[in-house]
Amino acid sequence: MTSISPDAVGHTFTIHGLAVGQDEFFVSVPMKAVAEEDMPEEGFTTTPSVTTFTFITGGPGEYVWNCEYPCGDGTIAKFGAAMSTMGYMSGHFTVKG
């Protein structure tokens, strides 16, 4: 698959370079939502959806990632609860040169 409809997005994996001392960098990968009829009553699927992608950075540095498709509990414009939990819907990584 090379693209999905905006109506089918469940989450994004969005990477930003930090603003200081490194090249500009931005990648946003949409991830397909689980169809409502396929969602178990418990509220989450036990069969993971895998999205594979590659990217090339401009060089070494610190990068942050987050989901930019708000699906939280309704606080902070739906960016609350799980959406604001570091390591769950956001985090960071280091690229070494």
PDB file of N, CA and C in Angstrom:
ATOM      1  N   MET A   1       0.845  -1.162   0.000  1.00  0.00           N
ATOM      2  CA  MET A   1       0.000   0.000   0.000  1.00  0.00           C
ATOM      3  C   MET A   1       0.901   1.238   0.000  1.00  0.00           C
ATOM      4  N   THR A   2       0.570   2.218  -0.802  1.00  0.00           N
ATOM      5  CA  THR A   2       1.361   3.442  -0.844  1.00  0.00           C
ATOM      6  C   THR A   2       0.637   4.637  -0.246  1.00  0.00           C
ATOM      7  N   SER A   3      -0.666   4.523  -0.065  1.00  0.00           N
ATOM      8  CA  SER A   3      -1.416   5.613   0.561  1.00  0.00           C
ATOM      9  C   SER A   3      -2.715   5.061   1.146  1.00  0.00           C
ATOM     10  N   ILE A   4      -3.297   5.830   2.058  1.00  0.00           N
ATOM     11  CA  ILE A   4      -4.599   5.469   2.609  1.00  0.00           C
ATOM     12  C   ILE A   4      -5.474   6.719   2.632  1.00  0.00           C
ATOM     13  N   SER A   5      -6.752   6.512   2.642  1.00  0.00           N
ATOM     14  CA  SER A   5      -7.704   7.617   2.710  1.00  0.00           C
ATOM     15  C   SER A   5      -7.580   8.308   4.067  1.00  0.00           C
ATOM     16  N   PRO A   6      -7.707   9.628   4.113  1.00  0.00           N
ATOM     17  CA  PRO A   6      -7.675  10.317   5.413  1.00  0.00           C
ATOM     18  C   PRO A   6      -8.724   9.789   6.392  1.00  0.00           C
ATOM     19  N   ASP A   7      -9.822   9.260   5.878  1.00  0.00           N
ATOM     20  CA  ASP A   7     -10.863   8.700   6.743  1.00  0.00           C
ATOM     21  C   ASP A   7     -10.450   7.375   7.378  1.00  0.00           C
ATOM     22  N   ALA A   8      -9.386   6.751   6.875  1.00  0.00           N
ATOM     23  CA  ALA A   8      -8.953   5.444   7.362  1.00  0.00           C
ATOM     24  C   ALA A   8      -7.755   5.530   8.306  1.00  0.00           C
ATOM     25  N   VAL A   9      -7.308   6.745   8.647  1.00  0.00           N
ATOM     26  CA  VAL A   9      -6.139   6.914   9.517  1.00  0.00           C
ATOM     27  C   VAL A   9      -6.535   6.656  10.963  1.00  0.00           C
ATOM     28  N   GLY A  10      -5.750   5.807  11.640  1.00  0.00           N
ATOM     29  CA  GLY A  10      -5.973   5.527  13.056  1.00  0.00           C
ATOM     30  C   GLY A  10      -4.946   6.214  13.934  1.00  0.00           C
ATOM     31  N   HIS A  11      -3.710   6.315  13.452  1.00  0.00           N
ATOM     32  CA  HIS A  11      -2.602   6.950  14.160  1.00  0.00           C
ATOM     33  C   HIS A  11      -1.603   7.433  13.123  1.00  0.00           C
ATOM     34  N   THR A  12      -0.626   8.221  13.573  1.00  0.00           N
ATOM     35  CA  THR A  12       0.517   8.554  12.723  1.00  0.00           C
ATOM     36  C   THR A  12       1.786   8.299  13.517  1.00  0.00           C
ATOM     37  N   PHE A  13       2.857   8.041  12.809  1.00  0.00           N
ATOM     38  CA  PHE A  13       4.192   7.996  13.405  1.00  0.00           C
ATOM     39  C   PHE A  13       4.915   9.172  12.773  1.00  0.00           C
ATOM     40  N   THR A  14       4.997  10.283  13.513  1.00  0.00           N
ATOM     41  CA  THR A  14       5.523  11.535  12.977  1.00  0.00           C
ATOM     42  C   THR A  14       6.835  11.862  13.666  1.00  0.00           C
ATOM     43  N   ILE A  15       7.878  12.086  12.866  1.00  0.00           N
ATOM     44  CA  ILE A  15       9.227  12.335  13.371  1.00  0.00           C
ATOM     45  C   ILE A  15       9.603  13.780  13.074  1.00  0.00           C
ATOM     46  N   HIS A  16      10.162  14.450  14.096  1.00  0.00           N
ATOM     47  CA  HIS A  16      10.639  15.824  13.956  1.00  0.00           C
ATOM     48  C   HIS A  16      12.101  15.885  14.380  1.00  0.00           C
ATOM     49  N   GLY A  17      12.895  16.661  13.656  1.00  0.00           N
ATOM     50  CA  GLY A  17      14.227  16.988  14.145  1.00  0.00           C
ATOM     51  C   GLY A  17      14.091  18.088  15.187  1.00  0.00           C
ATOM     52  N   LEU A  18      15.027  18.180  16.105  1.00  0.00           N
ATOM     53  CA  LEU A  18      14.997  19.267  17.080  1.00  0.00           C
ATOM     54  C   LEU A  18      15.398  20.564  16.389  1.00  0.00           C
ATOM     55  N   ALA A  19      14.949  21.665  16.914  1.00  0.00           N
ATOM     56  CA  ALA A  19      15.130  22.954  16.243  1.00  0.00           C
ATOM     57  C   ALA A  19      16.554  23.498  16.305  1.00  0.00           C
ATOM     58  N   VAL A  20      17.388  22.973  17.168  1.00  0.00           N
ATOM     59  CA  VAL A  20      18.719  23.535  17.365  1.00  0.00           C
ATOM     60  C   VAL A  20      19.798  22.558  16.920  1.00  0.00           C
ATOM     61  N   GLY A  21      20.704  23.018  16.074  1.00  0.00           N
ATOM     62  CA  GLY A  21      21.920  22.283  15.782  1.00  0.00           C
ATOM     63  C   GLY A  21      21.813  21.087  14.855  1.00  0.00           C
ATOM     64  N   GLN A  22      20.738  20.955  14.097  1.00  0.00           N
ATOM     65  CA  GLN A  22      20.674  19.866  13.136  1.00  0.00           C
ATOM     66  C   GLN A  22      19.792  20.266  11.962  1.00  0.00           C
ATOM     67  N   ASP A  23      19.916  19.517  10.879  1.00  0.00           N
ATOM     68  CA  ASP A  23      19.137  19.805   9.683  1.00  0.00           C
ATOM     69  C   ASP A  23      17.645  19.672   9.966  1.00  0.00           C
ATOM     70  N   GLU A  24      16.836  20.436   9.204  1.00  0.00           N
ATOM     71  CA  GLU A  24      15.385  20.278   9.316  1.00  0.00           C
ATOM     72  C   GLU A  24      15.000  18.868   8.908  1.00  0.00           C
ATOM     73  N   PHE A  25      14.017  18.312   9.603  1.00  0.00           N
ATOM     74  CA  PHE A  25      13.602  16.947   9.303  1.00  0.00           C
ATOM     75  C   PHE A  25      12.158  16.762   9.737  1.00  0.00           C
ATOM     76  N   PHE A  26      11.349  16.181   8.863  1.00  0.00           N
ATOM     77  CA  PHE A  26       9.952  15.917   9.195  1.00  0.00           C
ATOM     78  C   PHE A  26       9.472  14.749   8.350  1.00  0.00           C
ATOM     79  N   VAL A  27       8.964  13.713   8.997  1.00  0.00           N
ATOM     80  CA  VAL A  27       8.364  12.558   8.322  1.00  0.00           C
ATOM     81  C   VAL A  27       7.078  12.234   9.069  1.00  0.00           C
ATOM     82  N   SER A  28       5.997  12.021   8.348  1.00  0.00           N
ATOM     83  CA  SER A  28       4.749  11.623   8.994  1.00  0.00           C
ATOM     84  C   SER A  28       4.161  10.439   8.240  1.00  0.00           C
ATOM     85  N   VAL A  29       4.065   9.308   8.917  1.00  0.00           N
ATOM     86  CA  VAL A  29       3.576   8.071   8.314  1.00  0.00           C
ATOM     87  C   VAL A  29       2.195   7.754   8.892  1.00  0.00           C
ATOM     88  N   PRO A  30       1.156   7.812   8.066  1.00  0.00           N
ATOM     89  CA  PRO A  30      -0.171   7.454   8.570  1.00  0.00           C
ATOM     90  C   PRO A  30      -0.297   5.947   8.747  1.00  0.00           C
ATOM     91  N   MET A  31      -1.006   5.543   9.777  1.00  0.00           N
ATOM     92  CA  MET A  31      -1.247   4.128  10.038  1.00  0.00           C
ATOM     93  C   MET A  31      -2.738   3.856   9.957  1.00  0.00           C
ATOM     94  N   LYS A  32      -3.074   2.793   9.285  1.00  0.00           N
ATOM     95  CA  LYS A  32      -4.475   2.468   9.027  1.00  0.00           C
ATOM     96  C   LYS A  32      -5.208   2.073  10.309  1.00  0.00           C
ATOM     97  N   ALA A  33      -6.406   2.593  10.457  1.00  0.00           N
ATOM     98  CA  ALA A  33      -7.253   2.272  11.612  1.00  0.00           C
ATOM     99  C   ALA A  33      -7.839   0.874  11.461  1.00  0.00           C
ATOM    100  N   VAL A  34      -8.156   0.270  12.585  1.00  0.00           N
ATOM    101  CA  VAL A  34      -8.883  -0.996  12.584  1.00  0.00           C
ATOM    102  C   VAL A  34     -10.351  -0.660  12.342  1.00  0.00           C
ATOM    103  N   ALA A  35     -10.962  -1.342  11.410  1.00  0.00           N
ATOM    104  CA  ALA A  35     -12.372  -1.091  11.104  1.00  0.00           C
ATOM    105  C   ALA A  35     -13.231  -1.343  12.338  1.00  0.00           C
ATOM    106  N   GLU A  36     -14.234  -0.519  12.523  1.00  0.00           N
ATOM    107  CA  GLU A  36     -15.116  -0.621  13.697  1.00  0.00           C
ATOM    108  C   GLU A  36     -15.679  -2.031  13.869  1.00  0.00           C
ATOM    109  N   GLU A  37     -16.078  -2.652  12.763  1.00  0.00           N
ATOM    110  CA  GLU A  37     -16.663  -3.999  12.853  1.00  0.00           C
ATOM    111  C   GLU A  37     -15.628  -5.072  13.214  1.00  0.00           C
ATOM    112  N   ASP A  38     -14.337  -4.755  13.067  1.00  0.00           N
ATOM    113  CA  ASP A  38     -13.279  -5.702  13.425  1.00  0.00           C
ATOM    114  C   ASP A  38     -12.759  -5.493  14.846  1.00  0.00           C
ATOM    115  N   MET A  39     -13.234  -4.451  15.521  1.00  0.00           N
ATOM    116  CA  MET A  39     -12.756  -4.127  16.858  1.00  0.00           C
ATOM    117  C   MET A  39     -13.489  -4.971  17.896  1.00  0.00           C
ATOM    118  N   PRO A  40     -12.740  -5.726  18.723  1.00  0.00           N
ATOM    119  CA  PRO A  40     -13.383  -6.531  19.768  1.00  0.00           C
ATOM    120  C   PRO A  40     -14.056  -5.639  20.815  1.00  0.00           C
ATOM    121  N   GLU A  41     -14.941  -6.217  21.567  1.00  0.00           N
ATOM    122  CA  GLU A  41     -15.666  -5.480  22.600  1.00  0.00           C
ATOM    123  C   GLU A  41     -14.724  -4.891  23.647  1.00  0.00           C
ATOM    124  N   GLU A  42     -13.566  -5.539  23.879  1.00  0.00           N
ATOM    125  CA  GLU A  42     -12.600  -5.054  24.869  1.00  0.00           C
ATOM    126  C   GLU A  42     -12.003  -3.708  24.470  1.00  0.00           C
ATOM    127  N   GLY A  43     -12.115  -3.325  23.192  1.00  0.00           N
ATOM    128  CA  GLY A  43     -11.627  -2.018  22.770  1.00  0.00           C
ATOM    129  C   GLY A  43     -10.270  -2.015  22.106  1.00  0.00           C
ATOM    130  N   PHE A  44      -9.624  -3.164  21.996  1.00  0.00           N
ATOM    131  CA  PHE A  44      -8.345  -3.222  21.293  1.00  0.00           C
ATOM    132  C   PHE A  44      -8.218  -4.562  20.597  1.00  0.00           C
ATOM    133  N   THR A  45      -7.496  -4.558  19.506  1.00  0.00           N
ATOM    134  CA  THR A  45      -7.325  -5.788  18.746  1.00  0.00           C
ATOM    135  C   THR A  45      -6.102  -6.551  19.233  1.00  0.00           C
ATOM    136  N   THR A  46      -6.156  -7.851  19.202  1.00  0.00           N
ATOM    137  CA  THR A  46      -5.009  -8.668  19.605  1.00  0.00           C
ATOM    138  C   THR A  46      -4.122  -9.000  18.414  1.00  0.00           C
ATOM    139  N   THR A  47      -4.567  -8.652  17.223  1.00  0.00           N
ATOM    140  CA  THR A  47      -3.775  -8.871  16.014  1.00  0.00           C
ATOM    141  C   THR A  47      -3.162  -7.541  15.601  1.00  0.00           C
ATOM    142  N   PRO A  48      -1.843  -7.394  15.727  1.00  0.00           N
ATOM    143  CA  PRO A  48      -1.239  -6.095  15.418  1.00  0.00           C
ATOM    144  C   PRO A  48      -1.287  -5.773  13.925  1.00  0.00           C
ATOM    145  N   SER A  49      -1.329  -4.505  13.657  1.00  0.00           N
ATOM    146  CA  SER A  49      -1.203  -4.000  12.293  1.00  0.00           C
ATOM    147  C   SER A  49       0.229  -3.500  12.154  1.00  0.00           C
ATOM    148  N   VAL A  50       0.958  -3.983  11.175  1.00  0.00           N
ATOM    149  CA  VAL A  50       2.367  -3.625  11.014  1.00  0.00           C
ATOM    150  C   VAL A  50       2.519  -2.693   9.820  1.00  0.00           C
ATOM    151  N   THR A  51       3.168  -1.565  10.045  1.00  0.00           N
ATOM    152  CA  THR A  51       3.489  -0.615   8.984  1.00  0.00           C
ATOM    153  C   THR A  51       5.001  -0.514   8.913  1.00  0.00           C
ATOM    154  N   THR A  52       5.575  -0.777   7.757  1.00  0.00           N
ATOM    155  CA  THR A  52       7.022  -0.725   7.578  1.00  0.00           C
ATOM    156  C   THR A  52       7.370   0.439   6.666  1.00  0.00           C
ATOM    157  N   PHE A  53       8.363   1.220   7.057  1.00  0.00           N
ATOM    158  CA  PHE A  53       8.817   2.333   6.226  1.00  0.00           C
ATOM    159  C   PHE A  53      10.289   2.584   6.518  1.00  0.00           C
ATOM    160  N   THR A  54      10.953   3.276   5.625  1.00  0.00           N
ATOM    161  CA  THR A  54      12.352   3.661   5.825  1.00  0.00           C
ATOM    162  C   THR A  54      12.467   5.163   5.618  1.00  0.00           C
ATOM    163  N   PHE A  55      13.490   5.740   6.208  1.00  0.00           N
ATOM    164  CA  PHE A  55      13.758   7.162   6.018  1.00  0.00           C
ATOM    165  C   PHE A  55      15.250   7.401   6.170  1.00  0.00           C
ATOM    166  N   ILE A  56      15.715   8.502   5.621  1.00  0.00           N
ATOM    167  CA  ILE A  56      17.120   8.894   5.715  1.00  0.00           C
ATOM    168  C   ILE A  56      17.167  10.267   6.368  1.00  0.00           C
ATOM    169  N   THR A  57      17.924  10.385   7.440  1.00  0.00           N
ATOM    170  CA  THR A  57      18.052  11.676   8.111  1.00  0.00           C
ATOM    171  C   THR A  57      19.138  12.491   7.426  1.00  0.00           C
ATOM    172  N   GLY A  58      19.193  13.775   7.739  1.00  0.00           N
ATOM    173  CA  GLY A  58      20.240  14.638   7.211  1.00  0.00           C
ATOM    174  C   GLY A  58      21.554  14.453   7.941  1.00  0.00           C
ATOM    175  N   GLY A  59      21.545  13.761   9.038  1.00  0.00           N
ATOM    176  CA  GLY A  59      22.758  13.548   9.813  1.00  0.00           C
ATOM    177  C   GLY A  59      22.418  13.105  11.216  1.00  0.00           C
ATOM    178  N   PRO A  60      23.453  12.955  12.048  1.00  0.00           N
ATOM    179  CA  PRO A  60      23.215  12.512  13.419  1.00  0.00           C
ATOM    180  C   PRO A  60      22.447  13.565  14.210  1.00  0.00           C
ATOM    181  N   GLY A  61      21.792  13.117  15.255  1.00  0.00           N
ATOM    182  CA  GLY A  61      21.075  14.046  16.119  1.00  0.00           C
ATOM    183  C   GLY A  61      19.993  13.369  16.917  1.00  0.00           C
ATOM    184  N   GLU A  62      19.312  14.174  17.705  1.00  0.00           N
ATOM    185  CA  GLU A  62      18.180  13.720  18.503  1.00  0.00           C
ATOM    186  C   GLU A  62      16.905  13.987  17.714  1.00  0.00           C
ATOM    187  N   TYR A  63      16.021  13.043  17.712  1.00  0.00           N
ATOM    188  CA  TYR A  63      14.755  13.178  17.009  1.00  0.00           C
ATOM    189  C   TYR A  63      13.628  12.794  17.956  1.00  0.00           C
ATOM    190  N   VAL A  64      12.510  13.473  17.818  1.00  0.00           N
ATOM    191  CA  VAL A  64      11.334  13.149  18.618  1.00  0.00           C
ATOM    192  C   VAL A  64      10.255  12.608  17.692  1.00  0.00           C
ATOM    193  N   TRP A  65       9.422  11.730  18.224  1.00  0.00           N
ATOM    194  CA  TRP A  65       8.301  11.199  17.441  1.00  0.00           C
ATOM    195  C   TRP A  65       7.037  11.275  18.286  1.00  0.00           C
ATOM    196  N   ASN A  66       5.922  11.359  17.610  1.00  0.00           N
ATOM    197  CA  ASN A  66       4.635  11.338  18.292  1.00  0.00           C
ATOM    198  C   ASN A  66       3.540  10.989  17.296  1.00  0.00           C
ATOM    199  N   CYS A  67       2.396  10.670  17.817  1.00  0.00           N
ATOM    200  CA  CYS A  67       1.204  10.475  17.000  1.00  0.00           C
ATOM    201  C   CYS A  67       0.510  11.823  16.903  1.00  0.00           C
ATOM    202  N   GLU A  68       0.207  12.255  15.697  1.00  0.00           N
ATOM    203  CA  GLU A  68      -0.459  13.542  15.511  1.00  0.00           C
ATOM    204  C   GLU A  68      -1.914  13.378  15.092  1.00  0.00           C
ATOM    205  N   TYR A  69      -2.470  12.204  15.331  1.00  0.00           N
ATOM    206  CA  TYR A  69      -3.882  11.970  15.060  1.00  0.00           C
ATOM    207  C   TYR A  69      -4.578  11.841  16.411  1.00  0.00           C
ATOM    208  N   PRO A  70      -5.166  12.923  16.921  1.00  0.00           N
ATOM    209  CA  PRO A  70      -5.672  12.922  18.292  1.00  0.00           C
ATOM    210  C   PRO A  70      -6.833  11.959  18.524  1.00  0.00           C
ATOM    211  N   CYS A  71      -6.617  11.033  19.454  1.00  0.00           N
ATOM    212  CA  CYS A  71      -7.674  10.077  19.802  1.00  0.00           C
ATOM    213  C   CYS A  71      -7.761   9.899  21.311  1.00  0.00           C
ATOM    214  N   GLY A  72      -7.267  10.884  22.047  1.00  0.00           N
ATOM    215  CA  GLY A  72      -7.231  10.768  23.504  1.00  0.00           C
ATOM    216  C   GLY A  72      -8.596  10.892  24.145  1.00  0.00           C
ATOM    217  N   ASP A  73      -8.582  11.189  25.421  1.00  0.00           N
ATOM    218  CA  ASP A  73      -9.803  11.154  26.232  1.00  0.00           C
ATOM    219  C   ASP A  73     -10.669  12.405  26.137  1.00  0.00           C
ATOM    220  N   GLY A  74     -10.369  13.325  25.261  1.00  0.00           N
ATOM    221  CA  GLY A  74     -11.171  14.536  25.131  1.00  0.00           C
ATOM    222  C   GLY A  74     -10.545  15.747  25.789  1.00  0.00           C
ATOM    223  N   THR A  75      -9.545  15.545  26.657  1.00  0.00           N
ATOM    224  CA  THR A  75      -8.849  16.688  27.246  1.00  0.00           C
ATOM    225  C   THR A  75      -7.740  17.142  26.303  1.00  0.00           C
ATOM    226  N   ILE A  76      -7.354  18.376  26.422  1.00  0.00           N
ATOM    227  CA  ILE A  76      -6.273  18.969  25.626  1.00  0.00           C
ATOM    228  C   ILE A  76      -6.480  18.670  24.136  1.00  0.00           C
ATOM    229  N   ALA A  77      -7.664  18.975  23.626  1.00  0.00           N
ATOM    230  CA  ALA A  77      -8.013  18.763  22.208  1.00  0.00           C
ATOM    231  C   ALA A  77      -7.779  17.316  21.770  1.00  0.00           C
ATOM    232  N   LYS A  78      -8.123  16.375  22.638  1.00  0.00           N
ATOM    233  CA  LYS A  78      -7.962  14.922  22.417  1.00  0.00           C
ATOM    234  C   LYS A  78      -6.500  14.465  22.408  1.00  0.00           C
ATOM    235  N   PHE A  79      -5.592  15.308  22.901  1.00  0.00           N
ATOM    236  CA  PHE A  79      -4.200  14.898  23.045  1.00  0.00           C
ATOM    237  C   PHE A  79      -3.881  14.523  24.495  1.00  0.00           C
ATOM    238  N   GLY A  80      -4.898  14.303  25.331  1.00  0.00           N
ATOM    239  CA  GLY A  80      -4.693  13.916  26.720  1.00  0.00           C
ATOM    240  C   GLY A  80      -4.618  12.406  26.875  1.00  0.00           C
ATOM    241  N   ALA A  81      -4.541  11.953  28.103  1.00  0.00           N
ATOM    242  CA  ALA A  81      -4.496  10.522  28.463  1.00  0.00           C
ATOM    243  C   ALA A  81      -3.379   9.798  27.720  1.00  0.00           C
ATOM    244  N   ALA A  82      -3.703   8.729  27.004  1.00  0.00           N
ATOM    245  CA  ALA A  82      -2.673   7.929  26.318  1.00  0.00           C
ATOM    246  C   ALA A  82      -1.874   8.754  25.321  1.00  0.00           C
ATOM    247  N   MET A  83      -2.508   9.737  24.700  1.00  0.00           N
ATOM    248  CA  MET A  83      -1.814  10.550  23.698  1.00  0.00           C
ATOM    249  C   MET A  83      -0.659  11.344  24.298  1.00  0.00           C
ATOM    250  N   SER A  84      -0.720  11.660  25.578  1.00  0.00           N
ATOM    251  CA  SER A  84       0.330  12.468  26.200  1.00  0.00           C
ATOM    252  C   SER A  84       1.295  11.632  27.035  1.00  0.00           C
ATOM    253  N   THR A  85       1.218  10.325  26.937  1.00  0.00           N
ATOM    254  CA  THR A  85       2.072   9.434  27.718  1.00  0.00           C
ATOM    255  C   THR A  85       3.354   9.125  26.951  1.00  0.00           C
ATOM    256  N   MET A  86       4.502   9.614  27.461  1.00  0.00           N
ATOM    257  CA  MET A  86       5.791   9.412  26.804  1.00  0.00           C
ATOM    258  C   MET A  86       6.086   7.926  26.677  1.00  0.00           C
ATOM    259  N   GLY A  87       6.499   7.506  25.505  1.00  0.00           N
ATOM    260  CA  GLY A  87       6.818   6.113  25.238  1.00  0.00           C
ATOM    261  C   GLY A  87       5.643   5.316  24.710  1.00  0.00           C
ATOM    262  N   TYR A  88       4.451   5.860  24.851  1.00  0.00           N
ATOM    263  CA  TYR A  88       3.266   5.162  24.364  1.00  0.00           C
ATOM    264  C   TYR A  88       2.826   5.754  23.029  1.00  0.00           C
ATOM    265  N   MET A  89       2.612   7.044  22.999  1.00  0.00           N
ATOM    266  CA  MET A  89       2.230   7.735  21.768  1.00  0.00           C
ATOM    267  C   MET A  89       3.235   8.825  21.415  1.00  0.00           C
ATOM    268  N   SER A  90       4.373   8.836  22.084  1.00  0.00           N
ATOM    269  CA  SER A  90       5.445   9.786  21.792  1.00  0.00           C
ATOM    270  C   SER A  90       6.738   9.263  22.397  1.00  0.00           C
ATOM    271  N   GLY A  91       7.846   9.779  21.908  1.00  0.00           N
ATOM    272  CA  GLY A  91       9.142   9.364  22.424  1.00  0.00           C
ATOM    273  C   GLY A  91      10.265  10.062  21.681  1.00  0.00           C
ATOM    274  N   HIS A  92      11.465   9.544  21.813  1.00  0.00           N
ATOM    275  CA  HIS A  92      12.608  10.125  21.104  1.00  0.00           C
ATOM    276  C   HIS A  92      13.612   9.024  20.780  1.00  0.00           C
ATOM    277  N   PHE A  93      14.509   9.329  19.852  1.00  0.00           N
ATOM    278  CA  PHE A  93      15.594   8.411  19.523  1.00  0.00           C
ATOM    279  C   PHE A  93      16.790   9.212  19.044  1.00  0.00           C
ATOM    280  N   THR A  94      17.959   8.574  19.043  1.00  0.00           N
ATOM    281  CA  THR A  94      19.210   9.212  18.647  1.00  0.00           C
ATOM    282  C   THR A  94      19.750   8.536  17.403  1.00  0.00           C
ATOM    283  N   VAL A  95      20.172   9.346  16.436  1.00  0.00           N
ATOM    284  CA  VAL A  95      20.859   8.840  15.245  1.00  0.00           C
ATOM    285  C   VAL A  95      22.324   9.203  15.411  1.00  0.00           C
ATOM    286  N   LYS A  96      23.191   8.199  15.377  1.00  0.00           N
ATOM    287  CA  LYS A  96      24.626   8.433  15.534  1.00  0.00           C
ATOM    288  C   LYS A  96      25.301   8.383  14.174  1.00  0.00           C
ATOM    289  N   GLY A  97      26.310   9.220  14.006  1.00  0.00           N
ATOM    290  CA  GLY A  97      27.000   9.290  12.712  1.00  0.00           C
ATOM    291  C   GLY A  97      28.298   8.566  12.684  1.00  0.00           C
TER     292      GLY A  97
END
